[in-house]
Amino acid sequence: MSHVHPNCDTLGRQISDTVIPMAIGRAGVNGSILRIDTAYNSQGLAYLLTSYADTAGTQIVNQVENIYNPGDAAHMRPLAAEACPGAPGDFGILP
């Protein structure tokens, strides 16, 4: 999308998604959340999602922590990371 700027880690996972300032007010961007960061645990699963009111990542609006049961790891697989070129996949639940 043209209104966001994804930043990726060396594994191709999106770690930060920032709104381009000129996009505020367009295409569903209202300006209340300007950045979302994702942190991954040692198994590579997204465990912490933080929303910010600014693009610098200093004004936290919301933070969600995912807690996985130890037995769940066997059922997880990488998720598609479409925003990051060369990403290996996505982190989701296997059927």
PDB file of N, CA and C in Angstrom:
ATOM      1  N   MET A   1       0.841  -1.184   0.000  1.00  0.00           N
ATOM      2  CA  MET A   1       0.000   0.000   0.000  1.00  0.00           C
ATOM      3  C   MET A   1       0.886   1.248   0.000  1.00  0.00           C
ATOM      4  N   SER A   2       0.395   2.285  -0.571  1.00  0.00           N
ATOM      5  CA  SER A   2       1.204   3.491  -0.698  1.00  0.00           C
ATOM      6  C   SER A   2       1.215   4.356   0.561  1.00  0.00           C
ATOM      7  N   HIS A   3       0.361   4.068   1.549  1.00  0.00           N
ATOM      8  CA  HIS A   3       0.288   4.944   2.718  1.00  0.00           C
ATOM      9  C   HIS A   3       1.065   4.418   3.920  1.00  0.00           C
ATOM     10  N   VAL A   4       1.781   3.310   3.748  1.00  0.00           N
ATOM     11  CA  VAL A   4       2.560   2.775   4.859  1.00  0.00           C
ATOM     12  C   VAL A   4       3.986   2.500   4.415  1.00  0.00           C
ATOM     13  N   HIS A   5       4.865   2.433   5.386  1.00  0.00           N
ATOM     14  CA  HIS A   5       6.264   2.153   5.116  1.00  0.00           C
ATOM     15  C   HIS A   5       6.711   1.037   6.049  1.00  0.00           C
ATOM     16  N   PRO A   6       6.796  -0.221   5.554  1.00  0.00           N
ATOM     17  CA  PRO A   6       7.205  -1.323   6.415  1.00  0.00           C
ATOM     18  C   PRO A   6       8.721  -1.385   6.595  1.00  0.00           C
ATOM     19  N   ASN A   7       9.148  -1.742   7.795  1.00  0.00           N
ATOM     20  CA  ASN A   7      10.550  -2.012   8.083  1.00  0.00           C
ATOM     21  C   ASN A   7      10.632  -3.481   8.463  1.00  0.00           C
ATOM     22  N   CYS A   8      11.659  -4.164   7.964  1.00  0.00           N
ATOM     23  CA  CYS A   8      11.764  -5.601   8.168  1.00  0.00           C
ATOM     24  C   CYS A   8      13.085  -5.962   8.834  1.00  0.00           C
ATOM     25  N   ASP A   9      13.076  -7.119   9.520  1.00  0.00           N
ATOM     26  CA  ASP A   9      14.317  -7.603  10.116  1.00  0.00           C
ATOM     27  C   ASP A   9      15.073  -8.447   9.091  1.00  0.00           C
ATOM     28  N   THR A  10      16.196  -9.025   9.490  1.00  0.00           N
ATOM     29  CA  THR A  10      17.035  -9.784   8.563  1.00  0.00           C
ATOM     30  C   THR A  10      16.370 -11.072   8.086  1.00  0.00           C
ATOM     31  N   LEU A  11      15.323 -11.514   8.777  1.00  0.00           N
ATOM     32  CA  LEU A  11      14.589 -12.716   8.362  1.00  0.00           C
ATOM     33  C   LEU A  11      13.410 -12.374   7.452  1.00  0.00           C
ATOM     34  N   GLY A  12      13.229 -11.094   7.144  1.00  0.00           N
ATOM     35  CA  GLY A  12      12.159 -10.667   6.264  1.00  0.00           C
ATOM     36  C   GLY A  12      10.831 -10.454   6.953  1.00  0.00           C
ATOM     37  N   ARG A  13      10.829 -10.475   8.293  1.00  0.00           N
ATOM     38  CA  ARG A  13       9.577 -10.257   9.033  1.00  0.00           C
ATOM     39  C   ARG A  13       9.375  -8.765   9.255  1.00  0.00           C
ATOM     40  N   GLN A  14       8.138  -8.333   9.126  1.00  0.00           N
ATOM     41  CA  GLN A  14       7.827  -6.925   9.367  1.00  0.00           C
ATOM     42  C   GLN A  14       7.943  -6.637  10.859  1.00  0.00           C
ATOM     43  N   ILE A  15       8.763  -5.647  11.217  1.00  0.00           N
ATOM     44  CA  ILE A  15       8.927  -5.278  12.623  1.00  0.00           C
ATOM     45  C   ILE A  15       8.313  -3.915  12.926  1.00  0.00           C
ATOM     46  N   SER A  16       8.079  -3.120  11.888  1.00  0.00           N
ATOM     47  CA  SER A  16       7.500  -1.802  12.084  1.00  0.00           C
ATOM     48  C   SER A  16       6.754  -1.399  10.820  1.00  0.00           C
ATOM     49  N   ASP A  17       5.612  -0.766  11.007  1.00  0.00           N
ATOM     50  CA  ASP A  17       4.798  -0.295   9.896  1.00  0.00           C
ATOM     51  C   ASP A  17       4.405   1.144  10.221  1.00  0.00           C
ATOM     52  N   THR A  18       4.879   2.093   9.430  1.00  0.00           N
ATOM     53  CA  THR A  18       4.683   3.511   9.711  1.00  0.00           C
ATOM     54  C   THR A  18       3.881   4.181   8.602  1.00  0.00           C
ATOM     55  N   VAL A  19       2.922   5.005   8.998  1.00  0.00           N
ATOM     56  CA  VAL A  19       2.104   5.753   8.033  1.00  0.00           C
ATOM     57  C   VAL A  19       2.923   6.912   7.489  1.00  0.00           C
ATOM     58  N   ILE A  20       2.848   7.104   6.195  1.00  0.00           N
ATOM     59  CA  ILE A  20       3.480   8.248   5.557  1.00  0.00           C
ATOM     60  C   ILE A  20       2.595   9.459   5.862  1.00  0.00           C
ATOM     61  N   PRO A  21       3.139  10.536   6.455  1.00  0.00           N
ATOM     62  CA  PRO A  21       2.324  11.678   6.892  1.00  0.00           C
ATOM     63  C   PRO A  21       1.339  12.226   5.860  1.00  0.00           C
ATOM     64  N   MET A  22       1.721  12.266   4.588  1.00  0.00           N
ATOM     65  CA  MET A  22       0.824  12.821   3.582  1.00  0.00           C
ATOM     66  C   MET A  22      -0.381  11.919   3.317  1.00  0.00           C
ATOM     67  N   ALA A  23      -0.393  10.689   3.855  1.00  0.00           N
ATOM     68  CA  ALA A  23      -1.508   9.761   3.652  1.00  0.00           C
ATOM     69  C   ALA A  23      -2.624   9.951   4.674  1.00  0.00           C
ATOM     70  N   ILE A  24      -2.380  10.718   5.731  1.00  0.00           N
ATOM     71  CA  ILE A  24      -3.394  10.918   6.769  1.00  0.00           C
ATOM     72  C   ILE A  24      -4.620  11.582   6.153  1.00  0.00           C
ATOM     73  N   GLY A  25      -5.767  10.985   6.409  1.00  0.00           N
ATOM     74  CA  GLY A  25      -7.010  11.482   5.851  1.00  0.00           C
ATOM     75  C   GLY A  25      -7.389  10.828   4.536  1.00  0.00           C
ATOM     76  N   ARG A  26      -6.515   9.976   4.011  1.00  0.00           N
ATOM     77  CA  ARG A  26      -6.789   9.280   2.756  1.00  0.00           C
ATOM     78  C   ARG A  26      -6.946   7.784   3.005  1.00  0.00           C
ATOM     79  N   ALA A  27      -7.674   7.136   2.174  1.00  0.00           N
ATOM     80  CA  ALA A  27      -7.787   5.670   2.129  1.00  0.00           C
ATOM     81  C   ALA A  27      -7.900   5.015   3.492  1.00  0.00           C
ATOM     82  N   GLY A  28      -8.744   5.560   4.361  1.00  0.00           N
ATOM     83  CA  GLY A  28      -8.985   4.929   5.651  1.00  0.00           C
ATOM     84  C   GLY A  28      -7.946   5.217   6.716  1.00  0.00           C
ATOM     85  N   VAL A  29      -7.033   6.139   6.475  1.00  0.00           N
ATOM     86  CA  VAL A  29      -6.023   6.501   7.476  1.00  0.00           C
ATOM     87  C   VAL A  29      -6.514   7.745   8.206  1.00  0.00           C
ATOM     88  N   ASN A  30      -6.885   7.591   9.492  1.00  0.00           N
ATOM     89  CA  ASN A  30      -7.427   8.741  10.212  1.00  0.00           C
ATOM     90  C   ASN A  30      -6.400   9.470  11.068  1.00  0.00           C
ATOM     91  N   GLY A  31      -5.215   8.929  11.205  1.00  0.00           N
ATOM     92  CA  GLY A  31      -4.152   9.619  11.930  1.00  0.00           C
ATOM     93  C   GLY A  31      -4.061   9.316  13.407  1.00  0.00           C
ATOM     94  N   SER A  32      -4.948   8.497  13.962  1.00  0.00           N
ATOM     95  CA  SER A  32      -4.874   8.202  15.397  1.00  0.00           C
ATOM     96  C   SER A  32      -3.766   7.198  15.711  1.00  0.00           C
ATOM     97  N   ILE A  33      -3.477   6.301  14.784  1.00  0.00           N
ATOM     98  CA  ILE A  33      -2.358   5.357  14.921  1.00  0.00           C
ATOM     99  C   ILE A  33      -1.445   5.588  13.727  1.00  0.00           C
ATOM    100  N   LEU A  34      -0.191   5.965  13.996  1.00  0.00           N
ATOM    101  CA  LEU A  34       0.741   6.264  12.912  1.00  0.00           C
ATOM    102  C   LEU A  34       1.860   5.244  12.780  1.00  0.00           C
ATOM    103  N   ARG A  35       1.944   4.321  13.748  1.00  0.00           N
ATOM    104  CA  ARG A  35       2.994   3.303  13.681  1.00  0.00           C
ATOM    105  C   ARG A  35       2.549   2.080  14.476  1.00  0.00           C
ATOM    106  N   ILE A  36       2.893   0.896  13.961  1.00  0.00           N
ATOM    107  CA  ILE A  36       2.654  -0.355  14.669  1.00  0.00           C
ATOM    108  C   ILE A  36       3.941  -1.175  14.609  1.00  0.00           C
ATOM    109  N   ASP A  37       4.440  -1.583  15.773  1.00  0.00           N
ATOM    110  CA  ASP A  37       5.638  -2.415  15.855  1.00  0.00           C
ATOM    111  C   ASP A  37       5.273  -3.828  16.264  1.00  0.00           C
ATOM    112  N   THR A  38       6.033  -4.793  15.761  1.00  0.00           N
ATOM    113  CA  THR A  38       5.847  -6.197  16.111  1.00  0.00           C
ATOM    114  C   THR A  38       7.165  -6.751  16.626  1.00  0.00           C
ATOM    115  N   ALA A  39       7.122  -7.418  17.784  1.00  0.00           N
ATOM    116  CA  ALA A  39       8.303  -8.080  18.346  1.00  0.00           C
ATOM    117  C   ALA A  39       8.068  -9.585  18.298  1.00  0.00           C
ATOM    118  N   TYR A  40       9.131 -10.347  18.102  1.00  0.00           N
ATOM    119  CA  TYR A  40       9.037 -11.795  17.954  1.00  0.00           C
ATOM    120  C   TYR A  40       9.756 -12.496  19.103  1.00  0.00           C
ATOM    121  N   ASN A  41       9.227 -13.661  19.512  1.00  0.00           N
ATOM    122  CA  ASN A  41       9.873 -14.431  20.571  1.00  0.00           C
ATOM    123  C   ASN A  41      10.962 -15.325  19.974  1.00  0.00           C
ATOM    124  N   SER A  42      11.598 -16.128  20.810  1.00  0.00           N
ATOM    125  CA  SER A  42      12.715 -16.961  20.360  1.00  0.00           C
ATOM    126  C   SER A  42      12.287 -18.041  19.365  1.00  0.00           C
ATOM    127  N   GLN A  43      10.990 -18.363  19.313  1.00  0.00           N
ATOM    128  CA  GLN A  43      10.487 -19.324  18.326  1.00  0.00           C
ATOM    129  C   GLN A  43      10.085 -18.630  17.012  1.00  0.00           C
ATOM    130  N   GLY A  44      10.232 -17.319  16.974  1.00  0.00           N
ATOM    131  CA  GLY A  44       9.898 -16.567  15.774  1.00  0.00           C
ATOM    132  C   GLY A  44       8.440 -16.175  15.670  1.00  0.00           C
ATOM    133  N   LEU A  45       7.699 -16.323  16.756  1.00  0.00           N
ATOM    134  CA  LEU A  45       6.272 -15.979  16.754  1.00  0.00           C
ATOM    135  C   LEU A  45       6.071 -14.544  17.214  1.00  0.00           C
ATOM    136  N   ALA A  46       5.140 -13.847  16.586  1.00  0.00           N
ATOM    137  CA  ALA A  46       4.831 -12.470  16.986  1.00  0.00           C
ATOM    138  C   ALA A  46       4.244 -12.513  18.389  1.00  0.00           C
ATOM    139  N   TYR A  47       4.918 -11.874  19.343  1.00  0.00           N
ATOM    140  CA  TYR A  47       4.416 -11.924  20.723  1.00  0.00           C
ATOM    141  C   TYR A  47       4.031 -10.557  21.275  1.00  0.00           C
ATOM    142  N   LEU A  48       4.509  -9.471  20.687  1.00  0.00           N
ATOM    143  CA  LEU A  48       4.201  -8.145  21.221  1.00  0.00           C
ATOM    144  C   LEU A  48       3.896  -7.199  20.067  1.00  0.00           C
ATOM    145  N   LEU A  49       2.684  -6.621  20.089  1.00  0.00           N
ATOM    146  CA  LEU A  49       2.256  -5.658  19.076  1.00  0.00           C
ATOM    147  C   LEU A  49       1.991  -4.339  19.780  1.00  0.00           C
ATOM    148  N   THR A  50       2.649  -3.286  19.315  1.00  0.00           N
ATOM    149  CA  THR A  50       2.524  -1.975  19.951  1.00  0.00           C
ATOM    150  C   THR A  50       2.088  -0.940  18.921  1.00  0.00           C
ATOM    151  N   SER A  51       1.022  -0.199  19.253  1.00  0.00           N
ATOM    152  CA  SER A  51       0.515   0.872  18.395  1.00  0.00           C
ATOM    153  C   SER A  51       0.943   2.210  18.981  1.00  0.00           C
ATOM    154  N   TYR A  52       1.332   3.133  18.105  1.00  0.00           N
ATOM    155  CA  TYR A  52       1.811   4.449  18.528  1.00  0.00           C
ATOM    156  C   TYR A  52       1.023   5.570  17.857  1.00  0.00           C
ATOM    157  N   ALA A  53       0.917   6.695  18.539  1.00  0.00           N
ATOM    158  CA  ALA A  53       0.256   7.881  18.001  1.00  0.00           C
ATOM    159  C   ALA A  53       1.206   8.722  17.159  1.00  0.00           C
ATOM    160  N   ASP A  54       2.484   8.389  17.163  1.00  0.00           N
ATOM    161  CA  ASP A  54       3.472   9.143  16.398  1.00  0.00           C
ATOM    162  C   ASP A  54       4.341   8.190  15.586  1.00  0.00           C
ATOM    163  N   THR A  55       4.983   8.697  14.553  1.00  0.00           N
ATOM    164  CA  THR A  55       5.823   7.854  13.700  1.00  0.00           C
ATOM    165  C   THR A  55       7.158   7.503  14.343  1.00  0.00           C
ATOM    166  N   ALA A  56       7.566   8.248  15.355  1.00  0.00           N
ATOM    167  CA  ALA A  56       8.833   7.968  16.040  1.00  0.00           C
ATOM    168  C   ALA A  56       8.726   6.801  17.016  1.00  0.00           C
ATOM    169  N   GLY A  57       7.511   6.416  17.367  1.00  0.00           N
ATOM    170  CA  GLY A  57       7.330   5.301  18.301  1.00  0.00           C
ATOM    171  C   GLY A  57       7.567   5.679  19.750  1.00  0.00           C
ATOM    172  N   THR A  58       7.142   6.882  20.147  1.00  0.00           N
ATOM    173  CA  THR A  58       7.343   7.326  21.532  1.00  0.00           C
ATOM    174  C   THR A  58       6.038   7.476  22.312  1.00  0.00           C
ATOM    175  N   GLN A  59       4.896   7.537  21.617  1.00  0.00           N
ATOM    176  CA  GLN A  59       3.603   7.742  22.282  1.00  0.00           C
ATOM    177  C   GLN A  59       2.733   6.492  22.121  1.00  0.00           C
ATOM    178  N   ILE A  60       2.846   5.561  23.084  1.00  0.00           N
ATOM    179  CA  ILE A  60       2.110   4.301  23.011  1.00  0.00           C
ATOM    180  C   ILE A  60       0.616   4.541  23.197  1.00  0.00           C
ATOM    181  N   VAL A  61      -0.171   3.959  22.284  1.00  0.00           N
ATOM    182  CA  VAL A  61      -1.626   4.027  22.359  1.00  0.00           C
ATOM    183  C   VAL A  61      -2.167   2.700  22.881  1.00  0.00           C
ATOM    184  N   ASN A  62      -1.589   1.604  22.433  1.00  0.00           N
ATOM    185  CA  ASN A  62      -2.070   0.279  22.801  1.00  0.00           C
ATOM    186  C   ASN A  62      -0.924  -0.724  22.666  1.00  0.00           C
ATOM    187  N   GLN A  63      -0.957  -1.752  23.510  1.00  0.00           N
ATOM    188  CA  GLN A  63       0.044  -2.806  23.426  1.00  0.00           C
ATOM    189  C   GLN A  63      -0.629  -4.137  23.745  1.00  0.00           C
ATOM    190  N   VAL A  64      -0.375  -5.135  22.893  1.00  0.00           N
ATOM    191  CA  VAL A  64      -0.971  -6.456  23.062  1.00  0.00           C
ATOM    192  C   VAL A  64       0.149  -7.481  23.123  1.00  0.00           C
ATOM    193  N   GLU A  65       0.114  -8.338  24.150  1.00  0.00           N
ATOM    194  CA  GLU A  65       1.104  -9.407  24.280  1.00  0.00           C
ATOM    195  C   GLU A  65       0.424 -10.746  24.042  1.00  0.00           C
ATOM    196  N   ASN A  66       0.948 -11.503  23.092  1.00  0.00           N
ATOM    197  CA  ASN A  66       0.462 -12.862  22.830  1.00  0.00           C
ATOM    198  C   ASN A  66       1.279 -13.827  23.668  1.00  0.00           C
ATOM    199  N   ILE A  67       0.615 -14.686  24.412  1.00  0.00           N
ATOM    200  CA  ILE A  67       1.293 -15.698  25.228  1.00  0.00           C
ATOM    201  C   ILE A  67       0.931 -17.054  24.652  1.00  0.00           C
ATOM    202  N   TYR A  68       1.955 -17.828  24.302  1.00  0.00           N
ATOM    203  CA  TYR A  68       1.756 -19.126  23.691  1.00  0.00           C
ATOM    204  C   TYR A  68       1.999 -20.228  24.720  1.00  0.00           C
ATOM    205  N   ASN A  69       1.172 -21.266  24.690  1.00  0.00           N
ATOM    206  CA  ASN A  69       1.394 -22.429  25.531  1.00  0.00           C
ATOM    207  C   ASN A  69       2.567 -23.216  24.958  1.00  0.00           C
ATOM    208  N   PRO A  70       3.422 -23.797  25.825  1.00  0.00           N
ATOM    209  CA  PRO A  70       4.588 -24.535  25.323  1.00  0.00           C
ATOM    210  C   PRO A  70       4.226 -25.596  24.281  1.00  0.00           C
ATOM    211  N   GLY A  71       3.106 -26.276  24.444  1.00  0.00           N
ATOM    212  CA  GLY A  71       2.702 -27.307  23.493  1.00  0.00           C
ATOM    213  C   GLY A  71       2.258 -26.766  22.150  1.00  0.00           C
ATOM    214  N   ASP A  72       1.957 -25.470  22.069  1.00  0.00           N
ATOM    215  CA  ASP A  72       1.490 -24.873  20.824  1.00  0.00           C
ATOM    216  C   ASP A  72       2.584 -24.769  19.766  1.00  0.00           C
ATOM    217  N   ALA A  73       3.838 -24.708  20.183  1.00  0.00           N
ATOM    218  CA  ALA A  73       4.943 -24.490  19.253  1.00  0.00           C
ATOM    219  C   ALA A  73       4.980 -25.545  18.150  1.00  0.00           C
ATOM    220  N   ALA A  74       4.602 -26.776  18.447  1.00  0.00           N
ATOM    221  CA  ALA A  74       4.622 -27.844  17.445  1.00  0.00           C
ATOM    222  C   ALA A  74       3.585 -27.606  16.356  1.00  0.00           C
ATOM    223  N   HIS A  75       2.591 -26.781  16.613  1.00  0.00           N
ATOM    224  CA  HIS A  75       1.529 -26.523  15.651  1.00  0.00           C
ATOM    225  C   HIS A  75       1.684 -25.193  14.919  1.00  0.00           C
ATOM    226  N   MET A  76       2.777 -24.489  15.163  1.00  0.00           N
ATOM    227  CA  MET A  76       2.986 -23.190  14.535  1.00  0.00           C
ATOM    228  C   MET A  76       3.831 -23.338  13.277  1.00  0.00           C
ATOM    229  N   ARG A  77       3.615 -22.424  12.351  1.00  0.00           N
ATOM    230  CA  ARG A  77       4.412 -22.357  11.135  1.00  0.00           C
ATOM    231  C   ARG A  77       4.579 -20.890  10.755  1.00  0.00           C
ATOM    232  N   PRO A  78       5.564 -20.579   9.916  1.00  0.00           N
ATOM    233  CA  PRO A  78       5.740 -19.183   9.499  1.00  0.00           C
ATOM    234  C   PRO A  78       4.535 -18.655   8.735  1.00  0.00           C
ATOM    235  N   LEU A  79       4.183 -17.362   8.952  1.00  0.00           N
ATOM    236  CA  LEU A  79       3.105 -16.657   8.234  1.00  0.00           C
ATOM    237  C   LEU A  79       3.701 -15.898   7.051  1.00  0.00           C
ATOM    238  N   ALA A  80       2.917 -15.628   6.041  1.00  0.00           N
ATOM    239  CA  ALA A  80       3.392 -14.854   4.890  1.00  0.00           C
ATOM    240  C   ALA A  80       3.633 -13.417   5.314  1.00  0.00           C
ATOM    241  N   ALA A  81       4.759 -12.901   4.961  1.00  0.00           N
ATOM    242  CA  ALA A  81       5.097 -11.513   5.273  1.00  0.00           C
ATOM    243  C   ALA A  81       5.149 -10.756   3.955  1.00  0.00           C
ATOM    244  N   GLU A  82       3.984 -10.494   3.387  1.00  0.00           N
ATOM    245  CA  GLU A  82       3.889  -9.889   2.062  1.00  0.00           C
ATOM    246  C   GLU A  82       4.533  -8.519   1.962  1.00  0.00           C
ATOM    247  N   ALA A  83       4.588  -7.775   3.061  1.00  0.00           N
ATOM    248  CA  ALA A  83       5.137  -6.423   3.021  1.00  0.00           C
ATOM    249  C   ALA A  83       6.653  -6.411   2.918  1.00  0.00           C
ATOM    250  N   CYS A  84       7.291  -7.542   3.218  1.00  0.00           N
ATOM    251  CA  CYS A  84       8.748  -7.602   3.230  1.00  0.00           C
ATOM    252  C   CYS A  84       9.254  -8.524   2.127  1.00  0.00           C
ATOM    253  N   PRO A  85       9.913  -7.980   1.123  1.00  0.00           N
ATOM    254  CA  PRO A  85      10.440  -8.804   0.037  1.00  0.00           C
ATOM    255  C   PRO A  85      11.392  -9.874   0.572  1.00  0.00           C
ATOM    256  N   GLY A  86      11.273 -11.075   0.070  1.00  0.00           N
ATOM    257  CA  GLY A  86      12.156 -12.159   0.466  1.00  0.00           C
ATOM    258  C   GLY A  86      11.801 -12.812   1.777  1.00  0.00           C
ATOM    259  N   ALA A  87      10.628 -12.497   2.325  1.00  0.00           N
ATOM    260  CA  ALA A  87      10.217 -13.085   3.604  1.00  0.00           C
ATOM    261  C   ALA A  87       9.991 -14.580   3.436  1.00  0.00           C
ATOM    262  N   PRO A  88      10.388 -15.371   4.445  1.00  0.00           N
ATOM    263  CA  PRO A  88      10.271 -16.823   4.340  1.00  0.00           C
ATOM    264  C   PRO A  88       8.857 -17.370   4.490  1.00  0.00           C
ATOM    265  N   GLY A  89       7.910 -16.648   5.025  1.00  0.00           N
ATOM    266  CA  GLY A  89       6.566 -17.161   5.225  1.00  0.00           C
ATOM    267  C   GLY A  89       5.858 -16.390   6.314  1.00  0.00           C
ATOM    268  N   ASP A  90       4.809 -16.979   6.940  1.00  0.00           N
ATOM    269  CA  ASP A  90       4.137 -16.278   8.017  1.00  0.00           C
ATOM    270  C   ASP A  90       3.986 -17.156   9.238  1.00  0.00           C
ATOM    271  N   PHE A  91       3.625 -16.589  10.383  1.00  0.00           N
ATOM    272  CA  PHE A  91       3.535 -17.349  11.605  1.00  0.00           C
ATOM    273  C   PHE A  91       2.087 -17.567  11.983  1.00  0.00           C
ATOM    274  N   GLY A  92       1.604 -18.771  11.758  1.00  0.00           N
ATOM    275  CA  GLY A  92       0.215 -19.085  12.021  1.00  0.00           C
ATOM    276  C   GLY A  92       0.075 -20.488  12.562  1.00  0.00           C
ATOM    277  N   ILE A  93      -1.154 -20.923  12.700  1.00  0.00           N
ATOM    278  CA  ILE A  93      -1.452 -22.244  13.232  1.00  0.00           C
ATOM    279  C   ILE A  93      -1.521 -23.240  12.084  1.00  0.00           C
ATOM    280  N   LEU A  94      -0.843 -24.359  12.220  1.00  0.00           N
ATOM    281  CA  LEU A  94      -0.955 -25.426  11.237  1.00  0.00           C
ATOM    282  C   LEU A  94      -2.295 -26.126  11.407  1.00  0.00           C
ATOM    283  N   PRO A  95      -2.863 -26.617  10.330  1.00  0.00           N
ATOM    284  CA  PRO A  95      -4.154 -27.322  10.430  1.00  0.00           C
ATOM    285  C   PRO A  95      -4.018 -28.624  11.211  1.00  0.00           C
TER     286      PRO A  95
END
